[in-house]
PDB file of N, CA and C in Angstrom:
ATOM      1  N   MET A   1      37.565 183.165 176.490  1.00  0.00           N
ATOM      2  CA  MET A   1      38.480 184.140 175.954  1.00  0.00           C
ATOM      3  C   MET A   1      39.547 183.384 175.169  1.00  0.00           C
ATOM      4  N   PHE A   2      40.179 184.079 174.213  1.00  0.00           N
ATOM      5  CA  PHE A   2      41.141 183.438 173.333  1.00  0.00           C
ATOM      6  C   PHE A   2      42.376 184.298 173.142  1.00  0.00           C
ATOM      7  N   VAL A   3      43.514 183.633 173.050  1.00  0.00           N
ATOM      8  CA  VAL A   3      44.749 184.267 172.616  1.00  0.00           C
ATOM      9  C   VAL A   3      44.996 183.759 171.203  1.00  0.00           C
ATOM     10  N   LEU A   4      45.063 184.685 170.267  1.00  0.00           N
ATOM     11  CA  LEU A   4      45.315 184.355 168.871  1.00  0.00           C
ATOM     12  C   LEU A   4      46.743 184.773 168.564  1.00  0.00           C
ATOM     13  N   GLU A   5      47.589 183.805 168.270  1.00  0.00           N
ATOM     14  CA  GLU A   5      48.984 184.115 167.970  1.00  0.00           C
ATOM     15  C   GLU A   5      49.236 183.924 166.483  1.00  0.00           C
ATOM     16  N   LEU A   6      49.653 185.013 165.833  1.00  0.00           N
ATOM     17  CA  LEU A   6      49.998 184.982 164.420  1.00  0.00           C
ATOM     18  C   LEU A   6      51.501 184.792 164.298  1.00  0.00           C
ATOM     19  N   THR A   7      51.906 183.932 163.392  1.00  0.00           N
ATOM     20  CA  THR A   7      53.321 183.766 163.071  1.00  0.00           C
ATOM     21  C   THR A   7      53.467 183.963 161.568  1.00  0.00           C
ATOM     22  N   TYR A   8      54.314 184.909 161.178  1.00  0.00           N
ATOM     23  CA  TYR A   8      54.520 185.168 159.756  1.00  0.00           C
ATOM     24  C   TYR A   8      55.231 183.985 159.105  1.00  0.00           C
ATOM     25  N   ILE A   9      54.742 183.612 157.921  1.00  0.00           N
ATOM     26  CA  ILE A   9      55.347 182.515 157.160  1.00  0.00           C
ATOM     27  C   ILE A   9      55.793 183.008 155.789  1.00  0.00           C
ATOM     28  N   ALA A  10      55.789 184.315 155.617  1.00  0.00           N
ATOM     29  CA  ALA A  10      56.204 184.936 154.358  1.00  0.00           C
ATOM     30  C   ALA A  10      57.107 186.117 154.694  1.00  0.00           C
ATOM     31  N   PRO A  11      57.876 186.583 153.716  1.00  0.00           N
ATOM     32  CA  PRO A  11      58.715 187.757 153.963  1.00  0.00           C
ATOM     33  C   PRO A  11      57.879 188.963 154.382  1.00  0.00           C
ATOM     34  N   VAL A  12      58.474 189.819 155.203  1.00  0.00           N
ATOM     35  CA  VAL A  12      57.757 190.966 155.748  1.00  0.00           C
ATOM     36  C   VAL A  12      57.205 191.880 154.648  1.00  0.00           C
ATOM     37  N   GLU A  13      57.822 191.876 153.485  1.00  0.00           N
ATOM     38  CA  GLU A  13      57.312 192.690 152.371  1.00  0.00           C
ATOM     39  C   GLU A  13      55.913 192.232 151.962  1.00  0.00           C
ATOM     40  N   ARG A  14      55.678 190.927 151.962  1.00  0.00           N
ATOM     41  CA  ARG A  14      54.343 190.399 151.643  1.00  0.00           C
ATOM     42  C   ARG A  14      53.362 190.705 152.767  1.00  0.00           C
ATOM     43  N   VAL A  15      53.835 190.674 154.019  1.00  0.00           N
ATOM     44  CA  VAL A  15      52.996 191.042 155.158  1.00  0.00           C
ATOM     45  C   VAL A  15      52.575 192.500 155.010  1.00  0.00           C
ATOM     46  N   GLU A  16      53.536 193.372 154.725  1.00  0.00           N
ATOM     47  CA  GLU A  16      53.251 194.805 154.558  1.00  0.00           C
ATOM     48  C   GLU A  16      52.224 195.049 153.456  1.00  0.00           C
ATOM     49  N   ALA A  17      52.274 194.260 152.385  1.00  0.00           N
ATOM     50  CA  ALA A  17      51.338 194.433 151.270  1.00  0.00           C
ATOM     51  C   ALA A  17      49.888 194.184 151.700  1.00  0.00           C
ATOM     52  N   ALA A  18      49.692 193.355 152.715  1.00  0.00           N
ATOM     53  CA  ALA A  18      48.336 193.038 153.195  1.00  0.00           C
ATOM     54  C   ALA A  18      47.979 193.799 154.470  1.00  0.00           C
ATOM     55  N   LEU A  19      48.866 194.680 154.938  1.00  0.00           N
ATOM     56  CA  LEU A  19      48.686 195.321 156.245  1.00  0.00           C
ATOM     57  C   LEU A  19      47.452 196.214 156.321  1.00  0.00           C
ATOM     58  N   ALA A  20      47.193 197.031 155.322  1.00  0.00           N
ATOM     59  CA  ALA A  20      46.034 197.941 155.367  1.00  0.00           C
ATOM     60  C   ALA A  20      44.731 197.150 155.497  1.00  0.00           C
ATOM     61  N   GLU A  21      44.607 196.061 154.733  1.00  0.00           N
ATOM     62  CA  GLU A  21      43.397 195.228 154.817  1.00  0.00           C
ATOM     63  C   GLU A  21      43.307 194.545 156.182  1.00  0.00           C
ATOM     64  N   HIS A  22      44.447 194.107 156.713  1.00  0.00           N
ATOM     65  CA  HIS A  22      44.483 193.471 158.033  1.00  0.00           C
ATOM     66  C   HIS A  22      44.028 194.457 159.105  1.00  0.00           C
ATOM     67  N   ILE A  23      44.490 195.699 159.031  1.00  0.00           N
ATOM     68  CA  ILE A  23      44.095 196.715 160.012  1.00  0.00           C
ATOM     69  C   ILE A  23      42.600 196.992 159.925  1.00  0.00           C
ATOM     70  N   ALA A  24      42.045 197.061 158.728  1.00  0.00           N
ATOM     71  CA  ALA A  24      40.596 197.260 158.572  1.00  0.00           C
ATOM     72  C   ALA A  24      39.835 196.085 159.176  1.00  0.00           C
ATOM     73  N   TRP A  25      40.351 194.864 158.986  1.00  0.00           N
ATOM     74  CA  TRP A  25      39.746 193.658 159.565  1.00  0.00           C
ATOM     75  C   TRP A  25      39.792 193.739 161.093  1.00  0.00           C
ATOM     76  N   LEU A  26      40.953 194.131 161.647  1.00  0.00           N
ATOM     77  CA  LEU A  26      41.060 194.318 163.103  1.00  0.00           C
ATOM     78  C   LEU A  26      40.020 195.325 163.584  1.00  0.00           C
ATOM     79  N   ASP A  27      39.949 196.478 162.912  1.00  0.00           N
ATOM     80  CA  ASP A  27      39.019 197.541 163.318  1.00  0.00           C
ATOM     81  C   ASP A  27      37.574 197.042 163.347  1.00  0.00           C
ATOM     82  N   ALA A  28      37.207 196.232 162.372  1.00  0.00           N
ATOM     83  CA  ALA A  28      35.836 195.698 162.324  1.00  0.00           C
ATOM     84  C   ALA A  28      35.563 194.800 163.528  1.00  0.00           C
ATOM     85  N   HIS A  29      36.544 194.012 163.937  1.00  0.00           N
ATOM     86  CA  HIS A  29      36.330 193.104 165.066  1.00  0.00           C
ATOM     87  C   HIS A  29      36.457 193.816 166.412  1.00  0.00           C
ATOM     88  N   TYR A  30      37.185 194.924 166.464  1.00  0.00           N
ATOM     89  CA  TYR A  30      37.139 195.778 167.660  1.00  0.00           C
ATOM     90  C   TYR A  30      35.746 196.403 167.771  1.00  0.00           C
ATOM     91  N   ALA A  31      35.222 196.892 166.652  1.00  0.00           N
ATOM     92  CA  ALA A  31      33.904 197.532 166.657  1.00  0.00           C
ATOM     93  C   ALA A  31      32.809 196.562 167.066  1.00  0.00           C
ATOM     94  N   SER A  32      32.961 195.282 166.706  1.00  0.00           N
ATOM     95  CA  SER A  32      31.937 194.287 167.060  1.00  0.00           C
ATOM     96  C   SER A  32      32.078 193.801 168.501  1.00  0.00           C
ATOM     97  N   GLY A  33      33.196 194.180 169.159  1.00  0.00           N
ATOM     98  CA  GLY A  33      33.400 193.791 170.550  1.00  0.00           C
ATOM     99  C   GLY A  33      34.127 192.472 170.746  1.00  0.00           C
ATOM    100  N   VAL A  34      34.585 191.854 169.666  1.00  0.00           N
ATOM    101  CA  VAL A  34      35.259 190.562 169.783  1.00  0.00           C
ATOM    102  C   VAL A  34      36.719 190.730 170.199  1.00  0.00           C
ATOM    103  N   PHE A  35      37.418 191.716 169.648  1.00  0.00           N
ATOM    104  CA  PHE A  35      38.822 191.932 169.981  1.00  0.00           C
ATOM    105  C   PHE A  35      38.934 192.992 171.059  1.00  0.00           C
ATOM    106  N   ILE A  36      39.824 192.736 172.043  1.00  0.00           N
ATOM    107  CA  ILE A  36      40.026 193.734 173.098  1.00  0.00           C
ATOM    108  C   ILE A  36      41.469 194.229 173.178  1.00  0.00           C
ATOM    109  N   ALA A  37      42.402 193.549 172.521  1.00  0.00           N
ATOM    110  CA  ALA A  37      43.795 194.000 172.483  1.00  0.00           C
ATOM    111  C   ALA A  37      44.509 193.274 171.348  1.00  0.00           C
ATOM    112  N   SER A  38      45.512 193.944 170.785  1.00  0.00           N
ATOM    113  CA  SER A  38      46.318 193.311 169.739  1.00  0.00           C
ATOM    114  C   SER A  38      47.616 194.080 169.575  1.00  0.00           C
ATOM    115  N   GLY A  39      48.584 193.439 168.944  1.00  0.00           N
ATOM    116  CA  GLY A  39      49.840 194.110 168.647  1.00  0.00           C
ATOM    117  C   GLY A  39      50.860 193.163 168.066  1.00  0.00           C
ATOM    118  N   ARG A  40      51.965 193.760 167.608  1.00  0.00           N
ATOM    119  CA  ARG A  40      53.064 192.997 167.028  1.00  0.00           C
ATOM    120  C   ARG A  40      53.878 192.318 168.110  1.00  0.00           C
ATOM    121  N   LYS A  41      54.414 191.158 167.768  1.00  0.00           N
ATOM    122  CA  LYS A  41      55.368 190.490 168.654  1.00  0.00           C
ATOM    123  C   LYS A  41      56.732 191.156 168.475  1.00  0.00           C
ATOM    124  N   VAL A  42      57.554 191.043 169.481  1.00  0.00           N
ATOM    125  CA  VAL A  42      58.923 191.549 169.439  1.00  0.00           C
ATOM    126  C   VAL A  42      59.847 190.374 169.665  1.00  0.00           C
ATOM    127  N   PRO A  43      60.684 189.999 168.695  1.00  0.00           N
ATOM    128  CA  PRO A  43      60.881 190.647 167.403  1.00  0.00           C
ATOM    129  C   PRO A  43      59.664 190.467 166.505  1.00  0.00           C
ATOM    130  N   ARG A  44      59.605 191.259 165.441  1.00  0.00           N
ATOM    131  CA  ARG A  44      58.437 191.281 164.560  1.00  0.00           C
ATOM    132  C   ARG A  44      58.392 190.035 163.676  1.00  0.00           C
ATOM    133  N   ASP A  45      57.856 188.978 164.257  1.00  0.00           N
ATOM    134  CA  ASP A  45      57.672 187.747 163.490  1.00  0.00           C
ATOM    135  C   ASP A  45      56.222 187.295 163.534  1.00  0.00           C
ATOM    136  N   GLY A  46      55.336 188.216 163.926  1.00  0.00           N
ATOM    137  CA  GLY A  46      53.910 187.912 164.006  1.00  0.00           C
ATOM    138  C   GLY A  46      53.221 188.877 164.946  1.00  0.00           C
ATOM    139  N   GLY A  47      52.121 188.431 165.526  1.00  0.00           N
ATOM    140  CA  GLY A  47      51.355 189.291 166.422  1.00  0.00           C
ATOM    141  C   GLY A  47      50.508 188.470 167.373  1.00  0.00           C
ATOM    142  N   ILE A  48      49.853 189.200 168.272  1.00  0.00           N
ATOM    143  CA  ILE A  48      48.966 188.602 169.270  1.00  0.00           C
ATOM    144  C   ILE A  48      47.656 189.381 169.258  1.00  0.00           C
ATOM    145  N   ILE A  49      46.551 188.668 169.363  1.00  0.00           N
ATOM    146  CA  ILE A  49      45.225 189.277 169.507  1.00  0.00           C
ATOM    147  C   ILE A  49      44.547 188.607 170.688  1.00  0.00           C
ATOM    148  N   ILE A  50      43.932 189.402 171.555  1.00  0.00           N
ATOM    149  CA  ILE A  50      43.096 188.876 172.629  1.00  0.00           C
ATOM    150  C   ILE A  50      41.643 189.053 172.184  1.00  0.00           C
ATOM    151  N   ALA A  51      40.919 187.943 172.143  1.00  0.00           N
ATOM    152  CA  ALA A  51      39.533 187.946 171.672  1.00  0.00           C
ATOM    153  C   ALA A  51      38.618 187.383 172.747  1.00  0.00           C
ATOM    154  N   ILE A  52      37.411 187.925 172.799  1.00  0.00           N
ATOM    155  CA  ILE A  52      36.436 187.401 173.747  1.00  0.00           C
ATOM    156  C   ILE A  52      35.362 186.632 172.990  1.00  0.00           C
ATOM    157  N   GLY A  53      34.851 185.624 173.660  1.00  0.00           N
ATOM    158  CA  GLY A  53      33.824 184.790 173.081  1.00  0.00           C
ATOM    159  C   GLY A  53      33.892 183.414 173.710  1.00  0.00           C
ATOM    160  N   ASP A  54      32.874 182.621 173.473  1.00  0.00           N
ATOM    161  CA  ASP A  54      32.861 181.267 174.025  1.00  0.00           C
ATOM    162  C   ASP A  54      32.627 180.213 172.946  1.00  0.00           C
ATOM    163  N   ASP A  55      32.684 180.643 171.686  1.00  0.00           N
ATOM    164  CA  ASP A  55      32.458 179.731 170.564  1.00  0.00           C
ATOM    165  C   ASP A  55      33.744 179.647 169.737  1.00  0.00           C
ATOM    166  N   ARG A  56      34.513 178.589 169.980  1.00  0.00           N
ATOM    167  CA  ARG A  56      35.798 178.441 169.289  1.00  0.00           C
ATOM    168  C   ARG A  56      35.624 178.427 167.773  1.00  0.00           C
ATOM    169  N   SER A  57      34.577 177.776 167.281  1.00  0.00           N
ATOM    170  CA  SER A  57      34.391 177.707 165.831  1.00  0.00           C
ATOM    171  C   SER A  57      34.177 179.100 165.235  1.00  0.00           C
ATOM    172  N   LYS A  58      33.490 179.970 165.962  1.00  0.00           N
ATOM    173  CA  LYS A  58      33.293 181.354 165.500  1.00  0.00           C
ATOM    174  C   LYS A  58      34.633 182.086 165.444  1.00  0.00           C
ATOM    175  N   ILE A  59      35.457 181.912 166.476  1.00  0.00           N
ATOM    176  CA  ILE A  59      36.779 182.547 166.495  1.00  0.00           C
ATOM    177  C   ILE A  59      37.622 182.013 165.343  1.00  0.00           C
ATOM    178  N   GLU A  60      37.558 180.718 165.078  1.00  0.00           N
ATOM    179  CA  GLU A  60      38.329 180.139 163.969  1.00  0.00           C
ATOM    180  C   GLU A  60      37.857 180.678 162.620  1.00  0.00           C
ATOM    181  N   GLU A  61      36.557 180.927 162.479  1.00  0.00           N
ATOM    182  CA  GLU A  61      36.039 181.555 161.251  1.00  0.00           C
ATOM    183  C   GLU A  61      36.615 182.955 161.089  1.00  0.00           C
ATOM    184  N   ILE A  62      36.663 183.697 162.195  1.00  0.00           N
ATOM    185  CA  ILE A  62      37.218 185.049 162.155  1.00  0.00           C
ATOM    186  C   ILE A  62      38.682 185.006 161.728  1.00  0.00           C
ATOM    187  N   VAL A  63      39.452 184.089 162.314  1.00  0.00           N
ATOM    188  CA  VAL A  63      40.875 183.932 161.982  1.00  0.00           C
ATOM    189  C   VAL A  63      41.043 183.630 160.490  1.00  0.00           C
ATOM    190  N   GLU A  64      40.225 182.746 159.969  1.00  0.00           N
ATOM    191  CA  GLU A  64      40.328 182.373 158.553  1.00  0.00           C
ATOM    192  C   GLU A  64      40.009 183.541 157.626  1.00  0.00           C
ATOM    193  N   SER A  65      39.235 184.521 158.114  1.00  0.00           N
ATOM    194  CA  SER A  65      38.878 185.669 157.284  1.00  0.00           C
ATOM    195  C   SER A  65      39.911 186.792 157.335  1.00  0.00           C
ATOM    196  N   ASP A  66      40.919 186.672 158.187  1.00  0.00           N
ATOM    197  CA  ASP A  66      41.970 187.683 158.271  1.00  0.00           C
ATOM    198  C   ASP A  66      42.655 187.795 156.911  1.00  0.00           C
ATOM    199  N   PRO A  67      42.775 188.996 156.365  1.00  0.00           N
ATOM    200  CA  PRO A  67      43.493 189.155 155.096  1.00  0.00           C
ATOM    201  C   PRO A  67      44.908 188.569 155.120  1.00  0.00           C
ATOM    202  N   PHE A  68      45.553 188.538 156.280  1.00  0.00           N
ATOM    203  CA  PHE A  68      46.854 187.878 156.378  1.00  0.00           C
ATOM    204  C   PHE A  68      46.708 186.376 156.110  1.00  0.00           C
ATOM    205  N   SER A  69      45.651 185.762 156.642  1.00  0.00           N
ATOM    206  CA  SER A  69      45.404 184.332 156.382  1.00  0.00           C
ATOM    207  C   SER A  69      45.084 184.107 154.914  1.00  0.00           C
ATOM    208  N   VAL A  70      44.205 184.941 154.382  1.00  0.00           N
ATOM    209  CA  VAL A  70      43.784 184.814 152.987  1.00  0.00           C
ATOM    210  C   VAL A  70      44.981 184.959 152.045  1.00  0.00           C
ATOM    211  N   ALA A  71      45.897 185.888 152.376  1.00  0.00           N
ATOM    212  CA  ALA A  71      47.086 186.118 151.547  1.00  0.00           C
ATOM    213  C   ALA A  71      48.168 185.066 151.776  1.00  0.00           C
ATOM    214  N   GLY A  72      47.981 184.212 152.776  1.00  0.00           N
ATOM    215  CA  GLY A  72      48.956 183.160 153.054  1.00  0.00           C
ATOM    216  C   GLY A  72      50.257 183.668 153.649  1.00  0.00           C
ATOM    217  N   VAL A  73      50.179 184.765 154.416  1.00  0.00           N
ATOM    218  CA  VAL A  73      51.405 185.319 155.002  1.00  0.00           C
ATOM    219  C   VAL A  73      51.574 184.978 156.477  1.00  0.00           C
ATOM    220  N   CYS A  74      50.570 184.340 157.083  1.00  0.00           N
ATOM    221  CA  CYS A  74      50.709 183.964 158.492  1.00  0.00           C
ATOM    222  C   CYS A  74      49.952 182.684 158.778  1.00  0.00           C
ATOM    223  N   GLU A  75      50.337 182.070 159.895  1.00  0.00           N
ATOM    224  CA  GLU A  75      49.601 180.949 160.466  1.00  0.00           C
ATOM    225  C   GLU A  75      49.128 181.384 161.841  1.00  0.00           C
ATOM    226  N   TYR A  76      48.010 180.850 162.285  1.00  0.00           N
ATOM    227  CA  TYR A  76      47.452 181.165 163.590  1.00  0.00           C
ATOM    228  C   TYR A  76      47.540 179.979 164.529  1.00  0.00           C
ATOM    229  N   SER A  77      47.760 180.292 165.789  1.00  0.00           N
ATOM    230  CA  SER A  77      47.573 179.355 166.887  1.00  0.00           C
ATOM    231  C   SER A  77      46.481 179.963 167.754  1.00  0.00           C
ATOM    232  N   VAL A  78      45.444 179.189 168.039  1.00  0.00           N
ATOM    233  CA  VAL A  78      44.316 179.667 168.833  1.00  0.00           C
ATOM    234  C   VAL A  78      44.328 178.934 170.171  1.00  0.00           C
ATOM    235  N   THR A  79      44.443 179.713 171.253  1.00  0.00           N
ATOM    236  CA  THR A  79      44.449 179.143 172.598  1.00  0.00           C
ATOM    237  C   THR A  79      43.261 179.710 173.365  1.00  0.00           C
ATOM    238  N   GLU A  80      42.405 178.822 173.834  1.00  0.00           N
ATOM    239  CA  GLU A  80      41.262 179.247 174.645  1.00  0.00           C
ATOM    240  C   GLU A  80      41.661 179.190 176.110  1.00  0.00           C
ATOM    241  N   PHE A  81      41.206 180.177 176.884  1.00  0.00           N
ATOM    242  CA  PHE A  81      41.444 180.168 178.322  1.00  0.00           C
ATOM    243  C   PHE A  81      40.280 180.825 179.036  1.00  0.00           C
ATOM    244  N   VAL A  82      40.190 180.558 180.341  1.00  0.00           N
ATOM    245  CA  VAL A  82      39.144 181.143 181.179  1.00  0.00           C
ATOM    246  C   VAL A  82      39.807 182.219 182.034  1.00  0.00           C
ATOM    247  N   ALA A  83      39.409 183.461 181.840  1.00  0.00           N
ATOM    248  CA  ALA A  83      40.003 184.603 182.547  1.00  0.00           C
ATOM    249  C   ALA A  83      39.348 184.743 183.925  1.00  0.00           C
ATOM    250  N   THR A  84      39.823 183.951 184.876  1.00  0.00           N
ATOM    251  CA  THR A  84      39.228 183.964 186.220  1.00  0.00           C
ATOM    252  C   THR A  84      39.735 185.120 187.069  1.00  0.00           C
ATOM    253  N   LYS A  85      40.849 185.730 186.695  1.00  0.00           N
ATOM    254  CA  LYS A  85      41.376 186.895 187.399  1.00  0.00           C
ATOM    255  C   LYS A  85      41.710 187.963 186.369  1.00  0.00           C
ATOM    256  N   THR A  86      41.419 189.207 186.718  1.00  0.00           N
ATOM    257  CA  THR A  86      41.751 190.342 185.858  1.00  0.00           C
ATOM    258  C   THR A  86      42.109 191.530 186.744  1.00  0.00           C
ATOM    259  N   SER A  87      42.700 192.530 186.140  1.00  0.00           N
ATOM    260  CA  SER A  87      42.885 193.794 186.844  1.00  0.00           C
ATOM    261  C   SER A  87      41.511 194.465 186.955  1.00  0.00           C
ATOM    262  N   PRO A  88      41.336 195.383 187.900  1.00  0.00           N
ATOM    263  CA  PRO A  88      40.027 196.034 188.061  1.00  0.00           C
ATOM    264  C   PRO A  88      39.451 196.635 186.768  1.00  0.00           C
ATOM    265  N   PRO A  89      40.250 197.300 185.927  1.00  0.00           N
ATOM    266  CA  PRO A  89      39.637 197.847 184.711  1.00  0.00           C
ATOM    267  C   PRO A  89      39.114 196.788 183.736  1.00  0.00           C
ATOM    268  N   LEU A  90      39.564 195.548 183.897  1.00  0.00           N
ATOM    269  CA  LEU A  90      39.129 194.467 183.007  1.00  0.00           C
ATOM    270  C   LEU A  90      38.143 193.513 183.659  1.00  0.00           C
ATOM    271  N   GLU A  91      37.624 193.870 184.828  1.00  0.00           N
ATOM    272  CA  GLU A  91      36.751 192.935 185.546  1.00  0.00           C
ATOM    273  C   GLU A  91      35.512 192.552 184.745  1.00  0.00           C
ATOM    274  N   HIS A  92      35.109 193.388 183.816  1.00  0.00           N
ATOM    275  CA  HIS A  92      33.971 193.074 182.943  1.00  0.00           C
ATOM    276  C   HIS A  92      34.211 191.776 182.162  1.00  0.00           C
ATOM    277  N   TYR A  93      35.479 191.451 181.915  1.00  0.00           N
ATOM    278  CA  TYR A  93      35.839 190.264 181.128  1.00  0.00           C
ATOM    279  C   TYR A  93      36.095 189.030 182.001  1.00  0.00           C
ATOM    280  N   ARG A  94      36.007 189.174 183.316  1.00  0.00           N
ATOM    281  CA  ARG A  94      36.270 188.054 184.214  1.00  0.00           C
ATOM    282  C   ARG A  94      35.250 186.943 183.962  1.00  0.00           C
ATOM    283  N   GLN A  95      35.730 185.682 184.056  1.00  0.00           N
ATOM    284  CA  GLN A  95      34.883 184.533 183.758  1.00  0.00           C
ATOM    285  C   GLN A  95      34.870 183.560 184.923  1.00  0.00           C
ATOM    286  N   GLU A  96      33.849 182.752 184.966  1.00  0.00           N
ATOM    287  CA  GLU A  96      33.727 181.677 185.958  1.00  0.00           C
ATOM    288  C   GLU A  96      34.206 180.386 185.315  1.00  0.00           C
ATOM    289  N   LEU A  97      34.839 179.541 186.123  1.00  0.00           N
ATOM    290  CA  LEU A  97      35.217 178.212 185.634  1.00  0.00           C
ATOM    291  C   LEU A  97      33.952 177.399 185.363  1.00  0.00           C
ATOM    292  N   PRO A  98      33.953 176.627 184.265  1.00  0.00           N
ATOM    293  CA  PRO A  98      32.785 175.785 184.018  1.00  0.00           C
ATOM    294  C   PRO A  98      32.645 174.713 185.097  1.00  0.00           C
ATOM    295  N   SER A  99      31.430 174.329 185.363  1.00  0.00           N
ATOM    296  CA  SER A  99      31.164 173.299 186.396  1.00  0.00           C
ATOM    297  C   SER A  99      31.516 171.929 185.903  1.00  0.00           C
TER     298      SER A  99
END
């Protein structure tokens, strides 16, 4: 599983200009099952996406295709983690530690 942290590096007006394309990109990755949660940070200086998968290079490809990345309005930090505990509604996403 991955935590994708976006940090805006451009004025919010430039972020807003790419927002519709970014939302369509999010929707496509929700539909494919890769994204399970996302939202703006408070204060609004970026966002967070929770993604599932075990191939970091695939997640990095997805990040690079974000219209925000393409427009140069944000930078990403990608953190991989193993979700060994979850709430009951999220138990489907629970993972085992690698041996």
